Protein backbone atom coordinates (compact mmCIF):
# COMPACT_ATOMS: atom_id res chain seq x y z
CA MET A 1 29.35 -13.00 11.72
CA ARG A 2 30.40 -9.50 12.65
CA TYR A 3 34.02 -8.44 12.31
CA SER A 4 34.80 -8.55 16.03
CA GLN A 5 33.03 -11.91 16.45
CA LEU A 6 34.99 -13.43 13.60
CA VAL A 7 38.33 -12.17 14.96
CA ARG A 8 37.56 -13.55 18.43
CA HIS A 9 36.51 -16.89 16.97
CA VAL A 10 39.72 -17.27 14.94
CA LEU A 11 41.88 -16.38 17.95
CA LYS A 12 39.95 -18.84 20.08
CA LEU A 13 40.64 -21.62 17.58
CA ASN A 14 44.35 -20.83 17.63
CA PRO A 15 45.57 -18.52 20.43
CA ALA A 16 49.05 -18.59 18.89
CA PHE A 17 47.88 -16.33 16.06
CA ASN A 18 48.82 -12.66 16.25
CA ASN A 19 45.79 -10.49 17.05
CA LYS A 20 46.81 -7.68 14.69
CA THR A 21 47.50 -10.08 11.82
CA VAL A 22 44.12 -11.79 12.23
CA SER A 23 42.37 -8.42 12.37
CA ASN A 24 44.02 -7.28 9.12
CA VAL A 25 43.20 -10.53 7.33
CA VAL A 26 39.56 -10.52 8.44
CA TRP A 27 39.14 -6.89 7.42
CA SER A 28 39.78 -7.71 3.75
CA LEU A 29 38.30 -11.21 3.74
CA ASP A 30 35.57 -10.40 1.23
CA THR A 31 38.18 -8.86 -1.11
CA VAL A 32 40.71 -11.68 -0.84
CA LEU A 33 38.09 -14.43 -1.11
CA PRO A 34 35.23 -12.90 -3.13
CA GLU A 35 34.26 -16.33 -4.43
CA ARG A 36 33.58 -17.52 -0.87
CA VAL A 37 32.75 -14.53 1.34
CA TYR A 38 30.65 -11.40 0.92
CA LYS A 39 29.43 -8.57 3.18
CA PRO A 40 25.60 -8.19 3.33
CA SER A 41 26.18 -4.98 5.31
CA LYS A 42 29.03 -3.06 6.88
CA GLY A 43 31.06 -5.09 9.35
CA VAL A 44 29.17 -8.35 8.65
CA TYR A 45 30.73 -11.35 6.83
CA ARG A 46 28.78 -14.22 5.31
CA LEU A 47 29.59 -17.25 3.16
CA LEU A 48 28.54 -16.70 -0.44
CA GLN A 49 26.64 -19.99 -0.46
CA PHE A 50 24.13 -18.47 1.96
CA ARG A 51 23.50 -15.28 -0.03
CA ASP A 52 19.93 -16.28 -0.90
CA VAL A 53 19.18 -18.05 2.36
CA PRO A 54 17.23 -15.99 4.91
CA ASP A 55 18.85 -15.41 8.26
CA GLU A 56 16.65 -17.83 10.21
CA THR A 57 17.70 -16.49 13.57
CA ALA A 58 16.92 -12.90 12.68
CA LEU A 59 13.71 -13.95 10.93
CA GLU A 60 12.55 -15.90 13.97
CA LEU A 61 13.30 -13.01 16.29
CA GLN A 62 11.53 -10.48 14.08
CA THR A 63 8.38 -12.54 13.52
CA ALA A 64 8.07 -13.60 17.15
CA SER A 65 6.08 -11.52 19.60
CA PRO A 66 8.35 -8.56 20.35
CA HIS A 67 7.22 -8.10 23.92
CA LYS A 68 6.55 -11.51 25.44
CA GLY A 69 3.84 -9.87 27.54
CA VAL A 70 5.94 -6.75 28.21
CA ARG A 71 4.49 -3.46 27.02
CA GLU A 72 6.79 -0.94 25.34
CA GLU A 73 5.72 1.79 27.76
CA GLU A 74 7.21 -0.18 30.64
CA PHE A 75 10.69 0.51 29.27
CA TYR A 76 10.25 4.30 29.35
CA PRO A 77 11.17 4.82 33.03
CA LEU A 78 14.00 2.29 32.72
CA PHE A 79 15.54 4.18 29.81
CA ALA A 80 15.02 7.47 31.63
CA GLN A 81 17.11 6.08 34.50
CA TRP A 82 19.76 4.78 32.10
CA LEU A 83 19.95 8.14 30.34
CA LYS A 84 20.54 9.88 33.68
CA ASN A 85 22.73 7.40 35.51
CA ASP A 86 24.62 5.36 32.92
CA VAL A 87 25.50 7.88 30.21
CA GLU A 88 24.78 11.02 32.27
CA ASP A 89 23.23 12.80 29.30
CA VAL A 90 20.58 14.42 31.51
CA THR A 91 20.20 15.58 35.09
CA LEU A 92 16.50 14.68 35.05
CA ALA A 93 14.41 12.52 32.73
CA ILE A 94 10.74 11.58 32.82
CA PRO A 95 8.75 8.92 30.94
CA LEU A 96 6.21 10.59 28.70
CA GLY A 97 4.79 8.96 25.56
CA GLY A 98 1.12 8.86 24.73
CA ASN A 99 -0.29 12.18 23.57
CA ALA A 100 1.16 14.45 26.25
CA PHE A 101 2.05 17.11 23.68
CA ARG A 102 -1.41 16.86 22.06
CA ASP A 103 0.23 17.34 18.67
CA LYS A 104 0.21 15.34 15.42
CA TRP A 105 4.01 15.58 15.30
CA GLY A 106 4.20 13.19 18.22
CA THR A 107 5.37 13.07 21.83
CA PRO A 108 8.77 11.73 22.96
CA ASP A 109 8.68 8.51 24.96
CA VAL A 110 11.25 10.00 27.32
CA LEU A 111 11.94 13.70 27.85
CA GLY A 112 14.80 15.09 29.90
CA LYS A 113 16.78 18.18 30.72
CA ASP A 114 20.49 18.68 31.26
CA VAL A 115 21.44 21.57 33.52
CA SER A 116 24.75 22.66 35.00
CA ARG A 117 25.44 21.58 38.55
CA ALA A 118 26.10 24.06 41.33
CA SER A 119 29.70 22.86 41.52
CA ASP A 120 30.38 23.55 37.82
CA LEU A 121 32.70 26.50 37.31
CA ILE A 122 31.38 27.14 33.81
CA LYS A 123 27.60 27.02 33.52
CA ALA A 124 25.94 25.88 30.31
CA GLN A 125 22.44 26.65 29.11
CA THR A 126 19.73 24.13 29.86
CA ALA A 127 19.56 21.42 27.19
CA ILE A 128 16.40 19.45 26.32
CA VAL A 129 16.83 15.77 25.48
CA SER A 130 14.22 13.52 23.79
CA ALA A 131 14.08 9.81 23.09
CA GLU A 132 11.98 7.49 20.91
CA ILE A 133 11.82 3.81 21.89
CA LYS A 134 10.79 1.01 19.54
CA ALA A 135 10.40 -2.52 20.92
CA ASP A 136 9.31 -3.89 17.53
CA THR A 137 11.65 -4.03 14.52
CA ALA A 138 8.71 -3.27 12.24
CA GLY A 139 8.73 0.30 13.53
CA LEU A 140 12.35 1.19 12.84
CA MET A 141 11.76 3.81 10.16
CA ALA A 142 8.83 5.35 12.02
CA GLY A 143 11.03 5.53 15.10
CA PHE A 144 13.86 7.20 13.22
CA GLY A 145 11.39 9.70 11.76
CA GLN A 146 10.09 10.58 15.22
CA ALA A 147 13.60 10.97 16.64
CA ALA A 148 14.39 13.33 13.76
CA VAL A 149 11.22 15.36 14.41
CA TYR A 150 12.19 15.77 18.07
CA GLN A 151 15.27 17.70 16.95
CA LEU A 152 12.87 20.53 16.17
CA PHE A 153 12.55 21.31 19.89
CA SER A 154 15.37 19.26 21.50
CA HIS A 155 19.09 19.89 21.77
CA ARG A 156 19.75 16.14 21.60
CA SER A 157 17.63 13.26 20.32
CA TRP A 158 17.93 9.49 20.90
CA LEU A 159 16.55 6.42 19.11
CA VAL A 160 16.31 3.12 21.02
CA ILE A 161 15.78 -0.08 19.00
CA PRO A 162 15.84 -3.87 19.55
CA ARG A 163 19.25 -5.53 19.55
CA HIS A 164 17.89 -8.41 17.44
CA THR A 165 17.33 -6.05 14.49
CA ALA A 166 18.59 -7.67 11.27
CA ALA A 167 22.19 -6.71 10.44
CA GLU A 168 21.29 -4.93 7.21
CA ASP A 169 18.56 -2.86 8.87
CA MET A 170 20.83 -2.08 11.81
CA ALA A 171 23.52 -0.82 9.44
CA ARG A 172 21.07 1.50 7.69
CA VAL A 173 19.69 2.91 10.93
CA ASP A 174 23.24 3.38 12.21
CA SER A 175 24.20 5.34 9.08
CA LEU A 176 21.08 7.51 9.21
CA CYS A 177 21.62 8.32 12.88
CA ARG A 178 25.23 9.33 12.21
CA MET A 179 24.18 11.50 9.27
CA HIS A 180 21.52 13.33 11.28
CA GLY A 181 23.25 13.47 14.66
CA ILE A 182 20.77 11.21 16.43
CA GLY A 183 21.94 9.05 19.32
CA LEU A 184 21.45 5.28 18.92
CA VAL A 185 20.93 2.69 21.64
CA THR A 186 20.13 -1.03 21.37
CA PHE A 187 18.31 -3.08 24.01
CA ASN A 188 16.58 -6.35 24.82
CA PRO A 189 12.81 -5.69 24.53
CA ARG A 190 11.88 -9.08 26.00
CA SER A 191 12.97 -8.49 29.57
CA LEU A 192 12.11 -5.71 31.96
CA SER A 193 14.62 -7.06 34.48
CA THR A 194 17.50 -7.03 31.98
CA PRO A 195 16.80 -4.55 29.15
CA ASP A 196 20.59 -4.15 28.85
CA PHE A 197 20.65 -0.76 27.11
CA GLN A 198 23.85 -0.45 25.08
CA LEU A 199 25.23 2.80 23.69
CA ALA A 200 25.99 2.69 19.95
CA ILE A 201 26.16 6.40 19.02
CA ARG A 202 26.04 9.54 21.14
CA PRO A 203 23.80 12.32 19.75
CA ARG A 204 25.21 15.59 18.46
CA HIS A 205 24.20 18.70 20.35
CA HIS A 206 22.50 21.31 18.20
CA GLU A 207 20.35 24.38 18.67
CA PRO A 208 16.60 23.68 18.22
CA ASP A 209 13.92 26.18 17.28
CA LEU A 210 13.22 27.72 20.69
CA TYR A 211 9.72 28.72 19.63
CA TYR A 212 8.78 25.02 19.52
CA THR A 213 10.90 24.18 22.55
CA ASN A 214 8.96 26.63 24.70
CA ARG A 215 5.64 25.70 23.11
CA TYR A 216 5.97 22.00 23.95
CA LEU A 217 7.68 22.32 27.32
CA LYS A 218 4.83 24.45 28.67
CA ARG A 219 2.73 21.28 28.54
CA VAL A 220 5.10 19.38 30.86
CA GLU A 221 6.53 22.31 32.81
CA ARG A 222 5.42 21.00 36.19
CA GLU A 223 6.87 17.52 35.66
CA LEU A 224 10.19 18.69 34.23
CA PHE A 225 10.90 21.94 36.04
CA SER A 226 9.15 21.87 39.41
């Protein structure tokens, strides 16, 4: 169980417990009871007796069909809307994917721009925002690599991965995204009606190589700037 889940469960069993006390005890559970509890990854607690037992739930989710008849590309416009309306990281975003950039370095699944509004007193320079979406947990590292490549020409880059990703893999992706300033979002890849995008990490803004920014944007100028 994750830290927050474990705290909630203990408080549910006995509401008379003090929230702060329970939180402090759970935090050091693997240190106080090393013979019974260990942490397979950051923020996750597991009984030692299950150390060598696969996580059947995670295994079932990862080996099952990741789409249930839903194609990954169908999530592109949905994430573009979420990026614009829910976290307001862009003023315009378009689904892209495929080989729109006609380049071996890849094409973002979603590409957006963030421009100052007319009502803003202080105007900022236009920012380019890219996103890579992976509906299959088998593509996590490839997805992270693509999101990192997009920083070459984007001011901000996002990685979107399945929420059912195994805890250990999720922890590693989380750490890598924090190290490299990539935004991280989790979602449900089995439902177009309820993808439930959830913000995990906001991306850091940085200055890309404008040579590549201009080179790639010329190929989608009409869609993004008309």
